[in-house]
Each structure stands twice: as C-alpha cells, then as structure tokens.
C-alpha cells in the first residue's frame, strides 16, 4: 500500500489550510473551469403534460437554485426551482425527489417536473448562502419504505444535525446531533440504522432509526493530524451487502467500517487521487470519484471501478468531478462535474463501466448529487 510521506502530507495540509475542501472557509463561489471539453447538445423540452421518461438523470444544481432533468443521450431538457445551492438528493419509489438545499428540503414530483413545496429545517444554520461551506442540508437519504427522509444539516463552525422528516406530513419530526459537515447520509438495507458521514470531525454517526440513539465511530486511516485543515477526511460512503460501510480515502485506502462494533479494516486502493463520491452497482461493484490532485505526487481525476474481490480499474476523467450515479442495469456511470471546490464544470461524464469509454454530457449548473429515475 502506498503511504504518504511526512513531507507530502505536510504540504497537503498546508494547501488545505489555505483553501479548499480541507479547511473551513468563507464559502465564496469558486470560479468555473476555464477549459471544458465539448459536450452533447441540449435536448428539446418535453411537451407540457408529458411524463418524464424512465432513465432520465436528475441532478442538483449546486451553483444555482434548481434541479435539472437530463436525457442521458441528448442532455438537459427541463429544470425545477428548489432553493439555494441544492446539494444531495434522494428519489423514492413514488417518484418524489427530496432535495437538500440551503433553505430546506425541497420536494419535487419527478414524473410531472413540479415543485411540491419545501420542508424548513429545525436546526439553525445561519444565513442562506451558497458555496462550499454554506449552512443547510448536505447528504440526504430515504428509508427503504419511503416513510422517512434523513438529511444531514451543516452548521458552519459547529457540529451538524441529522433531521428526520416524515414524508407523509412533510415535517421534521426529530433531530439528532452528529459531527461536523455531514457530507453524506446513508441508510442500512433493512432501514434499521442511518449513517451520517461527517467530514470535519473524521467520523461516522450511526443512528438507530427507531430509538434515535447515536454512536460515534472515528474513521481516520491517516489519523486526525491537521484537524479542520486536513484533506484526509471521510467524504462519501456506501453500505455494502454485509452492512459494512465503505469509505474511500485519497485513492490509496478503503476504510471498511463495521457500524455494529466500530472496527475499521483498511484495504489498498490504486487511483492515488483525492476522492469524493461513491456508489455501488447492482452486482456490488464499487465506483469512486477521483476529484484530482492535492499534492505534487497525486494523479488526475478518475473513476475507480472496484470489483467485490478488490480488483480495480481506473478510468481517467477530464476535469474535476464530485459524485456518481449508476444506471438501473448497472452498465453506465454518470459522474457529475460540479465539485464542491474550484474548477467545476457544468456537465456530466458518462462512463461505460465494462469498457471504460467516456463521453461528455451537458447538464446542470455545477451539478453535485445525482439520481437515475
């Protein structure tokens, strides 16, 4: 396994302390990438009253106040206003999308492409702003039965909260304290537990969905040196079939967390680049988004395709990316170009998982969270 040298780690922490995802900051809006490869043209709008086709991509436009509907072959064809700086989203079997924004959780009927309202947060997270460090909702997930939505609320300069929404009444019914900047929220396959991945406190909060009892599990394969200025923190997680959480770090280490015991096993990874979004295909293949280098020895952006037995292929990507969604048949990955830091671009890279072939797709305004309808 490749380990970071003390010099490389120190340089990375210094850079992070000055800017970027590692350090706390003002949340100023980063500049868009100056060079964006060619993308596919924008699709024609659907006629009024036409249902959204299956297979459409839904993305959260973190650089604006909308979610975009994107034809995976032709590009965006509609958008719906949801609130400032939407981050994560989750879509239920009923076609409703729950979108975490700086202002509250918006509800969108994805079949008719209409806004159904917004659920305000109970947690006070400061003035409504945009940018990387804005307060408000970040990660979000639905219970398997669709009766609860769970959203991680960032409180700038403090610990966050997991808010529990009753999807029938569209109200927050409970809150649970979690760690700092809950980048991601996941639910166990049986719905019994909820997991908040807390970027700035190096931990995962496991919450009993029935009692709301919470347990803190530190996940820091590089340690916690550097504190808020460190790049070497958890970002996104996925829940494996056996109930363990998979958390990638720097294209070098995969932390495998058993949320029942808090024990963390470390496996080797090979992309050697800063990593954010993660997803599982139906057959258990892990997809991890490499956002690009944080040090001189790091590689460029990529998508890691890791089989259940640990074999990896690394697909190069052009420009920074943030998150990834998977087609229903598990053959195609959609990697969003929004990125929480500077250098983002307005589109999606479409990756053929079997061949590694890629193409660029226009879509969204700094798109982050994504789902396939």
Foldseek 3Di string as FASTA:
>chain_A
DDDDDPVQQVLLLVVLCVDDDLAADDQPAFDAAPDDDDAAAADEADPQPAWQDFQWKWFFFQVAQWIFTADPVHTTHDIEGFGHRWAAWEAAPQQWIWIKHLAFTWIANRGNGYTPDGEGDPDDQDDRDGGLQRWTWAAKYAQNVRQWIWTWTARRPFWIKIWIAGPVVRYTDDIATDGHQQNYKDAFPNRQWIWTFHFQVQWIWIAGPPPRDIDIAHHFPPDCPSRSSGLFGFAYWDQFPVRWIWTDGQQAWIWTADVVVSDTDIDGGHQRAGWHAWDAFPQGWIWIWGFQHSGPPGGGTWIWTADPVGDIDTQDDDWGWHYWEAGNNRQKIWTHQLDSGHHGHAWTWIAGSVPRDIGIHGHHNSTHYMYRD
